[in-house]
Amino acid sequence: MTVVEKAAYLKGLVEGLGVEPDSRDGKLWGALTELLSQMAHEIEDLQESDNDYADALDEIAEELSYLEEITCDLDTPEDFEDLDDEDGYDDFDEEDGCGGECGSCGGCGDYAEYELHCPNCGGPIVVSEEVFEKGEMVCPGCGATISFNMDEQ
């Protein structure tokens, strides 16, 4: 039995007592049952809103977990071990103090970066100068191949 149903049941019990609605007791019981009914409806509305917010929060948590999976894969030090060149030296500039952990440029400023938008999905893409010079890349958002043509400029 819901809160609204319980309030309606109590209102029926009060009406079944045979108290005259115009008497002092009748006015009091009428006001109390009306207040109880309004409060029950408000509680029901709040419960519904709470359920909606909980569902939305669950969806956001799932999306955040997915984004963490695809973007935070290179956060562990083991992931940087294979970045050494054939000469045995890593590509990162130790003077910057980053050691390449920022992951945004491949070595703390070694390359210029360009922020573009995918022509297919419209998502933002940060492209290093090295990737830009290669002439194409795959959009991380939609998987479409994006070509860069320097001759059109």
N, C-alpha and C. Protein backbone atom coordinates (compact mmCIF):
# COMPACT_ATOMS: atom_id res chain seq x y z
N MET A 1 0.85 -1.17 0.00
CA MET A 1 0.00 0.00 0.00
C MET A 1 0.90 1.24 0.00
N THR A 2 0.65 2.15 -0.94
CA THR A 2 1.46 3.36 -1.04
C THR A 2 1.03 4.37 0.00
N VAL A 3 1.81 5.41 0.14
CA VAL A 3 1.52 6.48 1.10
C VAL A 3 0.20 7.16 0.74
N VAL A 4 -0.04 7.37 -0.55
CA VAL A 4 -1.28 8.01 -1.00
C VAL A 4 -2.48 7.13 -0.67
N GLU A 5 -2.33 5.83 -0.88
CA GLU A 5 -3.42 4.90 -0.56
C GLU A 5 -3.71 4.87 0.93
N LYS A 6 -2.66 4.92 1.76
CA LYS A 6 -2.84 4.94 3.22
C LYS A 6 -3.56 6.22 3.66
N ALA A 7 -3.20 7.35 3.06
CA ALA A 7 -3.87 8.61 3.39
C ALA A 7 -5.34 8.55 3.01
N ALA A 8 -5.64 7.98 1.86
CA ALA A 8 -7.04 7.85 1.43
C ALA A 8 -7.81 6.91 2.37
N TYR A 9 -7.18 5.85 2.81
CA TYR A 9 -7.80 4.92 3.74
C TYR A 9 -8.15 5.63 5.06
N LEU A 10 -7.18 6.41 5.58
CA LEU A 10 -7.44 7.14 6.83
C LEU A 10 -8.56 8.17 6.66
N LYS A 11 -8.61 8.81 5.49
CA LYS A 11 -9.69 9.77 5.23
C LYS A 11 -11.04 9.05 5.24
N GLY A 12 -11.09 7.85 4.68
CA GLY A 12 -12.32 7.06 4.70
C GLY A 12 -12.72 6.66 6.11
N LEU A 13 -11.74 6.33 6.94
CA LEU A 13 -12.04 5.99 8.33
C LEU A 13 -12.64 7.18 9.08
N VAL A 14 -12.08 8.36 8.83
CA VAL A 14 -12.59 9.57 9.49
C VAL A 14 -14.02 9.83 9.04
N GLU A 15 -14.28 9.68 7.75
CA GLU A 15 -15.64 9.91 7.24
C GLU A 15 -16.60 8.86 7.80
N GLY A 16 -16.10 7.64 8.04
CA GLY A 16 -16.94 6.58 8.59
C GLY A 16 -17.26 6.75 10.05
N LEU A 17 -16.55 7.61 10.76
CA LEU A 17 -16.84 7.86 12.17
C LEU A 17 -18.15 8.60 12.37
N GLY A 18 -18.61 9.24 11.34
CA GLY A 18 -19.87 9.96 11.43
C GLY A 18 -19.74 11.33 12.07
N VAL A 19 -18.55 11.88 12.07
CA VAL A 19 -18.34 13.22 12.61
C VAL A 19 -18.88 14.22 11.60
N GLU A 20 -19.68 15.16 12.09
CA GLU A 20 -20.26 16.18 11.22
C GLU A 20 -19.15 17.08 10.68
N PRO A 21 -19.07 17.29 9.36
CA PRO A 21 -18.00 18.10 8.78
C PRO A 21 -18.04 19.57 9.23
N ASP A 22 -19.21 20.06 9.66
CA ASP A 22 -19.31 21.46 10.08
C ASP A 22 -19.01 21.66 11.56
N SER A 23 -18.87 20.59 12.32
CA SER A 23 -18.56 20.73 13.74
C SER A 23 -17.08 21.04 13.92
N ARG A 24 -16.71 21.40 15.15
CA ARG A 24 -15.31 21.72 15.41
C ARG A 24 -14.43 20.49 15.19
N ASP A 25 -14.87 19.34 15.67
CA ASP A 25 -14.11 18.11 15.47
C ASP A 25 -14.06 17.73 14.00
N GLY A 26 -15.15 17.91 13.31
CA GLY A 26 -15.22 17.58 11.89
C GLY A 26 -14.28 18.45 11.06
N LYS A 27 -14.22 19.76 11.40
CA LYS A 27 -13.32 20.66 10.69
C LYS A 27 -11.86 20.27 10.93
N LEU A 28 -11.54 19.91 12.18
CA LEU A 28 -10.18 19.50 12.52
C LEU A 28 -9.79 18.24 11.75
N TRP A 29 -10.65 17.21 11.80
CA TRP A 29 -10.36 15.96 11.10
C TRP A 29 -10.30 16.17 9.59
N GLY A 30 -11.14 17.01 9.08
CA GLY A 30 -11.12 17.30 7.64
C GLY A 30 -9.82 17.96 7.22
N ALA A 31 -9.37 18.94 8.03
CA ALA A 31 -8.12 19.64 7.72
C ALA A 31 -6.93 18.69 7.83
N LEU A 32 -6.94 17.83 8.86
CA LEU A 32 -5.83 16.88 9.03
C LEU A 32 -5.76 15.87 7.88
N THR A 33 -6.91 15.34 7.48
CA THR A 33 -6.89 14.36 6.39
C THR A 33 -6.50 15.01 5.05
N GLU A 34 -6.93 16.27 4.85
CA GLU A 34 -6.54 16.98 3.63
C GLU A 34 -5.03 17.24 3.62
N LEU A 35 -4.48 17.67 4.75
CA LEU A 35 -3.04 17.88 4.87
C LEU A 35 -2.28 16.58 4.65
N LEU A 36 -2.76 15.51 5.23
CA LEU A 36 -2.13 14.21 5.09
C LEU A 36 -2.14 13.76 3.62
N SER A 37 -3.23 14.01 2.93
CA SER A 37 -3.35 13.65 1.52
C SER A 37 -2.35 14.45 0.67
N GLN A 38 -2.25 15.76 0.93
CA GLN A 38 -1.30 16.58 0.18
C GLN A 38 0.14 16.15 0.44
N MET A 39 0.45 15.85 1.69
CA MET A 39 1.81 15.40 2.04
C MET A 39 2.12 14.06 1.37
N ALA A 40 1.16 13.18 1.31
CA ALA A 40 1.37 11.88 0.68
C ALA A 40 1.66 12.05 -0.81
N HIS A 41 0.94 12.96 -1.47
CA HIS A 41 1.18 13.21 -2.89
C HIS A 41 2.57 13.82 -3.11
N GLU A 42 2.96 14.74 -2.23
CA GLU A 42 4.30 15.33 -2.33
C GLU A 42 5.39 14.27 -2.15
N ILE A 43 5.18 13.38 -1.18
CA ILE A 43 6.16 12.32 -0.94
C ILE A 43 6.26 11.42 -2.16
N GLU A 44 5.13 11.10 -2.74
CA GLU A 44 5.13 10.26 -3.94
C GLU A 44 5.87 10.94 -5.09
N ASP A 45 5.65 12.24 -5.28
CA ASP A 45 6.36 12.99 -6.32
C ASP A 45 7.87 13.02 -6.08
N LEU A 46 8.26 13.22 -4.81
CA LEU A 46 9.68 13.23 -4.46
C LEU A 46 10.32 11.87 -4.69
N GLN A 47 9.62 10.81 -4.39
CA GLN A 47 10.15 9.47 -4.62
C GLN A 47 10.35 9.23 -6.12
N GLU A 48 9.41 9.70 -6.92
CA GLU A 48 9.53 9.55 -8.37
C GLU A 48 10.73 10.34 -8.90
N SER A 49 10.89 11.58 -8.42
CA SER A 49 12.04 12.39 -8.83
C SER A 49 13.35 11.74 -8.40
N ASP A 50 13.36 11.22 -7.19
CA ASP A 50 14.56 10.54 -6.68
C ASP A 50 14.93 9.35 -7.57
N ASN A 51 13.94 8.58 -7.97
CA ASN A 51 14.21 7.45 -8.86
C ASN A 51 14.75 7.91 -10.21
N ASP A 52 14.19 9.01 -10.73
CA ASP A 52 14.68 9.55 -12.01
C ASP A 52 16.13 10.01 -11.89
N TYR A 53 16.45 10.70 -10.79
CA TYR A 53 17.82 11.16 -10.58
C TYR A 53 18.77 9.98 -10.40
N ALA A 54 18.33 8.95 -9.70
CA ALA A 54 19.17 7.77 -9.50
C ALA A 54 19.46 7.09 -10.83
N ASP A 55 18.45 7.00 -11.69
CA ASP A 55 18.65 6.40 -13.02
C ASP A 55 19.63 7.22 -13.85
N ALA A 56 19.47 8.54 -13.82
CA ALA A 56 20.37 9.42 -14.57
C ALA A 56 21.80 9.31 -14.04
N LEU A 57 21.94 9.24 -12.72
CA LEU A 57 23.26 9.12 -12.11
C LEU A 57 23.92 7.80 -12.50
N ASP A 58 23.14 6.72 -12.55
CA ASP A 58 23.67 5.43 -12.98
C ASP A 58 24.18 5.50 -14.41
N GLU A 59 23.42 6.16 -15.29
CA GLU A 59 23.84 6.30 -16.68
C GLU A 59 25.14 7.10 -16.79
N ILE A 60 25.24 8.18 -16.01
CA ILE A 60 26.45 9.00 -16.02
C ILE A 60 27.64 8.19 -15.50
N ALA A 61 27.42 7.40 -14.45
CA ALA A 61 28.50 6.57 -13.90
C ALA A 61 28.98 5.55 -14.93
N GLU A 62 28.07 4.96 -15.68
CA GLU A 62 28.45 4.01 -16.72
C GLU A 62 29.26 4.70 -17.82
N GLU A 63 28.80 5.89 -18.24
CA GLU A 63 29.53 6.62 -19.27
C GLU A 63 30.91 7.04 -18.78
N LEU A 64 31.00 7.45 -17.53
CA LEU A 64 32.29 7.84 -16.96
C LEU A 64 33.23 6.65 -16.88
N SER A 65 32.72 5.50 -16.50
CA SER A 65 33.55 4.29 -16.46
C SER A 65 34.08 3.96 -17.85
N TYR A 66 33.22 4.08 -18.85
CA TYR A 66 33.64 3.82 -20.22
C TYR A 66 34.74 4.80 -20.64
N LEU A 67 34.53 6.09 -20.33
CA LEU A 67 35.53 7.10 -20.70
C LEU A 67 36.85 6.86 -19.97
N GLU A 68 36.78 6.44 -18.72
CA GLU A 68 38.00 6.13 -17.98
C GLU A 68 38.74 4.97 -18.62
N GLU A 69 37.98 3.97 -19.07
CA GLU A 69 38.61 2.82 -19.72
C GLU A 69 39.36 3.21 -20.97
N ILE A 70 38.76 4.08 -21.79
CA ILE A 70 39.40 4.40 -23.06
C ILE A 70 40.44 5.50 -22.95
N THR A 71 40.39 6.32 -21.91
CA THR A 71 41.35 7.42 -21.81
C THR A 71 42.43 7.21 -20.76
N CYS A 72 42.20 6.39 -19.79
CA CYS A 72 43.16 6.25 -18.69
C CYS A 72 43.99 4.99 -18.82
N ASP A 73 44.01 4.38 -19.98
CA ASP A 73 44.77 3.16 -20.19
C ASP A 73 46.28 3.40 -20.06
N LEU A 74 46.76 4.60 -20.34
CA LEU A 74 48.19 4.87 -20.31
C LEU A 74 48.64 5.58 -19.05
N ASP A 75 47.91 5.40 -17.96
CA ASP A 75 48.25 6.10 -16.74
C ASP A 75 49.25 5.36 -15.87
N THR A 76 49.53 4.11 -16.14
CA THR A 76 50.43 3.35 -15.30
C THR A 76 51.85 3.44 -15.85
N PRO A 77 52.86 3.45 -14.99
CA PRO A 77 54.25 3.57 -15.44
C PRO A 77 54.67 2.46 -16.40
N GLU A 78 54.11 1.25 -16.26
CA GLU A 78 54.48 0.16 -17.15
C GLU A 78 54.16 0.50 -18.60
N ASP A 79 53.15 1.31 -18.82
CA ASP A 79 52.74 1.64 -20.18
C ASP A 79 53.76 2.52 -20.88
N PHE A 80 54.66 3.14 -20.15
CA PHE A 80 55.65 4.02 -20.75
C PHE A 80 57.00 3.32 -20.97
N GLU A 81 57.13 2.07 -20.50
CA GLU A 81 58.40 1.37 -20.62
C GLU A 81 58.81 1.12 -22.06
N ASP A 82 57.84 0.92 -22.94
CA ASP A 82 58.17 0.58 -24.31
C ASP A 82 58.35 1.81 -25.21
N LEU A 83 58.50 2.97 -24.64
CA LEU A 83 58.64 4.19 -25.42
C LEU A 83 60.10 4.55 -25.69
N ASP A 84 61.03 3.67 -25.31
CA ASP A 84 62.44 3.93 -25.58
C ASP A 84 62.74 3.74 -27.06
N ASP A 85 63.61 4.58 -27.58
CA ASP A 85 64.05 4.45 -28.97
C ASP A 85 65.05 3.30 -29.09
N GLU A 86 65.43 3.02 -30.33
CA GLU A 86 66.42 1.98 -30.57
C GLU A 86 67.75 2.30 -29.89
N ASP A 87 68.03 3.59 -29.69
CA ASP A 87 69.30 3.98 -29.10
C ASP A 87 69.32 3.84 -27.58
N GLY A 88 68.20 3.42 -26.99
CA GLY A 88 68.16 3.19 -25.56
C GLY A 88 67.74 4.39 -24.74
N TYR A 89 67.48 5.50 -25.38
CA TYR A 89 67.07 6.70 -24.66
C TYR A 89 65.59 6.95 -24.90
N ASP A 90 64.92 7.41 -23.85
CA ASP A 90 63.50 7.69 -24.08
C ASP A 90 63.33 9.04 -24.76
N ASP A 91 62.14 9.24 -25.30
CA ASP A 91 61.86 10.42 -26.10
C ASP A 91 61.46 11.64 -25.27
N PHE A 92 61.34 11.51 -23.98
CA PHE A 92 60.81 12.59 -23.18
C PHE A 92 61.90 13.51 -22.68
N ASP A 93 61.57 14.75 -22.55
CA ASP A 93 62.49 15.78 -22.10
C ASP A 93 62.47 15.80 -20.58
N GLU A 94 63.51 15.27 -19.96
CA GLU A 94 63.56 15.18 -18.51
C GLU A 94 63.63 16.56 -17.85
N GLU A 95 64.06 17.58 -18.58
CA GLU A 95 64.16 18.92 -18.00
C GLU A 95 62.78 19.46 -17.63
N ASP A 96 61.75 19.02 -18.35
CA ASP A 96 60.39 19.50 -18.04
C ASP A 96 59.85 18.90 -16.76
N GLY A 97 60.42 17.78 -16.32
CA GLY A 97 59.96 17.16 -15.10
C GLY A 97 58.73 16.29 -15.29
N CYS A 98 58.22 16.22 -16.48
CA CYS A 98 57.01 15.44 -16.73
C CYS A 98 57.35 14.00 -17.02
N GLY A 99 58.42 13.75 -17.75
CA GLY A 99 58.75 12.40 -18.12
C GLY A 99 57.77 11.79 -19.09
N GLY A 100 56.98 12.63 -19.73
CA GLY A 100 56.02 12.14 -20.71
C GLY A 100 54.71 11.68 -20.11
N GLU A 101 54.53 11.86 -18.81
CA GLU A 101 53.33 11.36 -18.16
C GLU A 101 52.09 12.17 -18.49
N CYS A 102 52.26 13.36 -19.03
CA CYS A 102 51.07 14.14 -19.38
C CYS A 102 50.34 13.51 -20.55
N GLY A 103 51.06 12.82 -21.42
CA GLY A 103 50.45 12.10 -22.51
C GLY A 103 49.84 12.96 -23.59
N SER A 104 49.95 14.27 -23.46
CA SER A 104 49.28 15.12 -24.43
C SER A 104 50.12 15.42 -25.66
N CYS A 105 51.45 15.40 -25.52
CA CYS A 105 52.26 15.80 -26.66
C CYS A 105 53.30 14.76 -27.04
N GLY A 106 53.40 13.69 -26.29
CA GLY A 106 54.41 12.70 -26.61
C GLY A 106 55.78 13.11 -26.12
N GLY A 107 55.87 14.04 -25.22
CA GLY A 107 57.17 14.43 -24.69
C GLY A 107 57.23 15.86 -24.25
N CYS A 108 56.19 16.38 -23.68
CA CYS A 108 56.20 17.69 -23.04
C CYS A 108 56.66 18.82 -23.96
N GLY A 109 55.98 19.01 -25.02
CA GLY A 109 56.29 20.14 -25.88
C GLY A 109 57.15 19.81 -27.06
N ASP A 110 57.47 18.53 -27.27
CA ASP A 110 58.30 18.17 -28.41
C ASP A 110 57.59 18.47 -29.73
N TYR A 111 56.27 18.50 -29.72
CA TYR A 111 55.49 18.71 -30.93
C TYR A 111 54.45 19.80 -30.68
N ALA A 112 54.14 20.53 -31.72
CA ALA A 112 53.02 21.47 -31.62
C ALA A 112 51.74 20.65 -31.67
N GLU A 113 50.68 21.19 -31.09
CA GLU A 113 49.39 20.50 -31.08
C GLU A 113 48.34 21.37 -31.74
N TYR A 114 47.41 20.71 -32.40
CA TYR A 114 46.30 21.39 -33.06
C TYR A 114 45.01 20.78 -32.57
N GLU A 115 44.06 21.63 -32.22
CA GLU A 115 42.75 21.10 -31.84
C GLU A 115 41.82 21.26 -33.02
N LEU A 116 41.30 20.13 -33.48
CA LEU A 116 40.41 20.10 -34.64
C LEU A 116 39.10 19.44 -34.22
N HIS A 117 38.15 19.46 -35.13
CA HIS A 117 36.89 18.75 -34.92
C HIS A 117 36.70 17.76 -36.05
N CYS A 118 36.30 16.56 -35.69
CA CYS A 118 36.09 15.50 -36.68
C CYS A 118 34.96 15.91 -37.63
N PRO A 119 35.19 15.83 -38.94
CA PRO A 119 34.13 16.20 -39.88
C PRO A 119 32.98 15.20 -39.88
N ASN A 120 33.21 14.01 -39.35
CA ASN A 120 32.18 12.97 -39.34
C ASN A 120 31.27 13.11 -38.12
N CYS A 121 31.88 13.14 -36.89
CA CYS A 121 31.07 13.17 -35.67
C CYS A 121 31.08 14.53 -34.97
N GLY A 122 32.00 15.42 -35.36
CA GLY A 122 32.07 16.75 -34.76
C GLY A 122 32.81 16.79 -33.44
N GLY A 123 33.33 15.65 -32.98
CA GLY A 123 34.03 15.59 -31.71
C GLY A 123 35.38 16.28 -31.78
N PRO A 124 35.85 16.83 -30.64
CA PRO A 124 37.16 17.49 -30.62
C PRO A 124 38.29 16.47 -30.70
N ILE A 125 39.34 16.83 -31.41
CA ILE A 125 40.50 15.97 -31.57
C ILE A 125 41.74 16.82 -31.39
N VAL A 126 42.68 16.37 -30.58
CA VAL A 126 43.96 17.04 -30.43
C VAL A 126 44.97 16.26 -31.27
N VAL A 127 45.58 16.94 -32.22
CA VAL A 127 46.49 16.31 -33.17
C VAL A 127 47.89 16.89 -33.00
N SER A 128 48.87 16.02 -32.84
CA SER A 128 50.25 16.49 -32.73
C SER A 128 50.77 16.83 -34.13
N GLU A 129 51.83 17.60 -34.16
CA GLU A 129 52.44 17.98 -35.44
C GLU A 129 52.89 16.74 -36.20
N GLU A 130 53.40 15.76 -35.49
CA GLU A 130 53.87 14.52 -36.11
C GLU A 130 52.73 13.78 -36.81
N VAL A 131 51.60 13.66 -36.15
CA VAL A 131 50.43 12.99 -36.75
C VAL A 131 49.92 13.83 -37.91
N PHE A 132 49.91 15.14 -37.74
CA PHE A 132 49.44 16.03 -38.80
C PHE A 132 50.29 15.87 -40.05
N GLU A 133 51.60 15.72 -39.88
CA GLU A 133 52.51 15.56 -41.01
C GLU A 133 52.32 14.22 -41.71
N LYS A 134 51.85 13.19 -40.97
CA LYS A 134 51.59 11.89 -41.59
C LYS A 134 50.46 11.99 -42.59
N GLY A 135 49.54 12.90 -42.39
CA GLY A 135 48.49 13.15 -43.37
C GLY A 135 47.14 12.55 -43.04
N GLU A 136 47.06 11.63 -42.08
CA GLU A 136 45.75 11.08 -41.71
C GLU A 136 45.82 10.43 -40.34
N MET A 137 44.64 10.24 -39.77
CA MET A 137 44.51 9.57 -38.47
C MET A 137 43.09 9.02 -38.34
N VAL A 138 42.86 8.23 -37.32
CA VAL A 138 41.54 7.68 -37.04
C VAL A 138 40.94 8.47 -35.88
N CYS A 139 39.72 8.93 -36.05
CA CYS A 139 39.03 9.68 -34.99
C CYS A 139 38.78 8.75 -33.81
N PRO A 140 39.20 9.14 -32.60
CA PRO A 140 38.97 8.29 -31.43
C PRO A 140 37.50 8.23 -31.04
N GLY A 141 36.71 9.18 -31.50
CA GLY A 141 35.30 9.20 -31.14
C GLY A 141 34.43 8.29 -31.98
N CYS A 142 34.65 8.32 -33.31
CA CYS A 142 33.76 7.56 -34.20
C CYS A 142 34.48 6.53 -35.05
N GLY A 143 35.81 6.57 -35.08
CA GLY A 143 36.57 5.59 -35.84
C GLY A 143 36.76 5.94 -37.32
N ALA A 144 36.27 7.10 -37.75
CA ALA A 144 36.41 7.50 -39.15
C ALA A 144 37.85 7.93 -39.43
N THR A 145 38.33 7.65 -40.63
CA THR A 145 39.67 8.08 -41.04
C THR A 145 39.59 9.54 -41.48
N ILE A 146 40.46 10.35 -40.90
CA ILE A 146 40.50 11.78 -41.20
C ILE A 146 41.80 12.07 -41.94
N SER A 147 41.69 12.70 -43.10
CA SER A 147 42.87 13.04 -43.89
C SER A 147 43.17 14.52 -43.75
N PHE A 148 44.47 14.82 -43.68
CA PHE A 148 44.95 16.20 -43.61
C PHE A 148 45.67 16.48 -44.90
N ASN A 149 45.24 17.47 -45.65
CA ASN A 149 45.88 17.81 -46.91
C ASN A 149 46.48 19.20 -46.78
N MET A 150 47.80 19.25 -46.71
CA MET A 150 48.50 20.51 -46.54
C MET A 150 48.49 21.34 -47.82
N ASP A 151 48.24 20.74 -48.97
CA ASP A 151 48.25 21.46 -50.25
C ASP A 151 47.06 22.40 -50.39
N GLU A 152 45.97 22.15 -49.69
CA GLU A 152 44.76 22.98 -49.83
C GLU A 152 44.88 24.33 -49.17
N GLN A 153 45.93 24.57 -48.41
CA GLN A 153 46.04 25.83 -47.68
C GLN A 153 46.54 26.94 -48.54
